[in-house]
């Protein structure tokens, strides 16, 4: 069974457009900036535009929500930055509370007897 290639990107804008046929109905629009993984030349970018226009425009697509799981507790987040903030604020605090150093006892030196 062949796995579908996933397109990764960053959502740039989410908006509403009034439905032309029904005044009180709206359609949701999503604008997305695709991540190619490497810098593209103008020719490569134009080639990708043609490819995506041919494959995607006017076609029904299915978008799944991207969830970034916390590596410690498994809680899901919309962005990697949100997950990192969660780790800093929740898990690092717990860790520092558990590993807080106990006050050290003062050591006294014994004088050597001669």
Protein backbone atom coordinates (compact mmCIF):
# COMPACT_ATOMS: atom_id res chain seq x y z
CA UNK A 1 0.00 0.00 0.00
CA UNK A 2 1.52 3.29 -1.11
CA UNK A 3 1.49 6.19 1.38
CA UNK A 4 0.24 9.54 0.08
CA UNK A 5 2.77 12.34 0.02
CA UNK A 6 1.79 15.01 2.52
CA UNK A 7 2.10 18.69 1.80
CA UNK A 8 3.42 20.72 4.72
CA UNK A 9 3.03 24.44 5.14
CA UNK A 10 1.98 27.32 7.32
CA UNK A 11 -1.56 28.71 7.27
CA UNK A 12 -1.26 32.37 6.34
CA UNK A 13 -4.88 33.50 6.44
CA UNK A 14 -8.31 32.16 7.34
CA UNK A 15 -11.36 34.07 6.15
CA UNK A 16 -14.96 34.06 4.98
CA UNK A 17 -16.43 34.68 1.54
CA UNK A 18 -20.18 35.25 1.13
CA UNK A 19 -21.86 32.50 -0.89
CA UNK A 20 -22.98 33.97 -4.24
CA UNK A 21 -26.21 31.93 -4.28
CA UNK A 22 -27.35 32.51 -0.70
CA UNK A 23 -26.90 35.88 1.01
CA UNK A 24 -26.73 34.54 4.59
CA UNK A 25 -24.35 31.69 3.78
CA UNK A 26 -20.57 31.82 3.83
CA UNK A 27 -17.63 29.73 2.70
CA UNK A 28 -14.44 29.37 4.70
CA UNK A 29 -11.18 30.20 2.90
CA UNK A 30 -7.72 29.10 3.96
CA UNK A 31 -4.51 30.52 2.52
CA UNK A 32 -1.39 28.41 3.00
CA UNK A 33 2.32 28.97 2.45
CA UNK A 34 3.90 25.66 1.42
CA UNK A 35 7.24 24.55 2.81
CA UNK A 36 9.39 23.03 0.10
CA UNK A 37 12.20 22.07 2.45
CA UNK A 38 14.79 23.93 0.39
CA UNK A 39 15.12 27.27 -1.39
CA UNK A 40 13.68 27.19 -4.91
CA UNK A 41 14.78 28.90 -8.08
CA UNK A 42 12.17 30.92 -9.97
CA UNK A 43 11.87 28.13 -12.58
CA UNK A 44 11.33 25.48 -9.87
CA UNK A 45 8.71 27.63 -8.10
CA UNK A 46 6.83 28.30 -11.36
CA UNK A 47 6.89 24.58 -12.14
CA UNK A 48 5.41 23.80 -8.71
CA UNK A 49 2.69 26.44 -9.21
CA UNK A 50 1.66 24.83 -12.50
CA UNK A 51 1.66 21.39 -10.90
CA UNK A 52 -0.49 22.43 -7.92
CA UNK A 53 -2.90 24.41 -10.09
CA UNK A 54 -3.40 21.35 -12.28
CA UNK A 55 -3.75 18.95 -9.33
CA UNK A 56 -5.68 21.08 -6.83
CA UNK A 57 -7.72 23.94 -8.35
CA UNK A 58 -11.39 23.11 -8.59
CA UNK A 59 -10.91 19.73 -6.92
CA UNK A 60 -12.24 18.60 -3.57
CA UNK A 61 -9.49 18.09 -1.05
CA UNK A 62 -9.34 16.68 2.43
CA UNK A 63 -7.27 18.50 5.03
CA UNK A 64 -6.36 16.88 8.30
CA UNK A 65 -5.45 18.95 11.30
CA UNK A 66 -1.77 18.89 12.15
CA UNK A 67 -1.14 18.00 15.75
CA UNK A 68 2.26 18.27 17.40
CA UNK A 69 2.32 15.93 20.42
CA UNK A 70 4.17 16.70 23.64
CA UNK A 71 7.02 14.15 23.92
CA UNK A 72 6.47 13.94 27.70
CA UNK A 73 2.69 13.73 28.23
CA UNK A 74 1.32 13.29 24.68
CA UNK A 75 -0.98 16.34 24.76
CA UNK A 76 -1.52 17.71 21.23
CA UNK A 77 -0.81 21.24 20.00
CA UNK A 78 -1.50 23.14 16.78
CA UNK A 79 2.09 24.34 16.42
CA UNK A 80 5.56 23.19 17.41
CA UNK A 81 6.05 26.50 19.20
CA UNK A 82 2.90 25.87 21.26
CA UNK A 83 4.22 22.44 22.24
CA UNK A 84 7.63 23.88 23.20
CA UNK A 85 5.98 26.56 25.32
CA UNK A 86 3.91 23.87 27.05
CA UNK A 87 7.06 21.84 27.83
CA UNK A 88 8.79 24.92 29.25
CA UNK A 89 5.85 26.06 31.34
CA UNK A 90 4.49 22.72 32.56
CA UNK A 91 7.20 20.08 32.51
CA UNK A 92 10.27 22.22 33.27
CA UNK A 93 8.51 23.71 36.33
CA UNK A 94 7.66 20.24 37.62
CA UNK A 95 11.22 19.08 37.03
CA UNK A 96 12.76 22.04 38.88
CA UNK A 97 10.39 21.55 41.82
CA UNK A 98 11.35 17.87 42.10
CA UNK A 99 15.06 18.46 41.73
CA UNK A 100 15.29 21.53 43.95
CA UNK A 101 18.54 21.37 45.90
CA UNK A 102 18.35 20.88 49.62
CA UNK A 103 20.31 23.41 51.68
CA UNK A 104 23.80 22.06 52.22
CA UNK A 105 25.07 21.54 55.74
CA UNK A 106 28.10 23.52 56.71
CA UNK A 107 31.11 21.34 57.16
CA UNK A 108 33.53 22.12 59.93
CA UNK A 109 37.17 21.32 59.74
CA UNK A 110 38.73 19.42 62.57
CA UNK A 111 42.04 20.53 63.76
CA UNK A 112 44.70 17.91 63.57
CA UNK A 113 46.16 17.10 66.91
CA UNK A 114 49.92 16.90 67.06
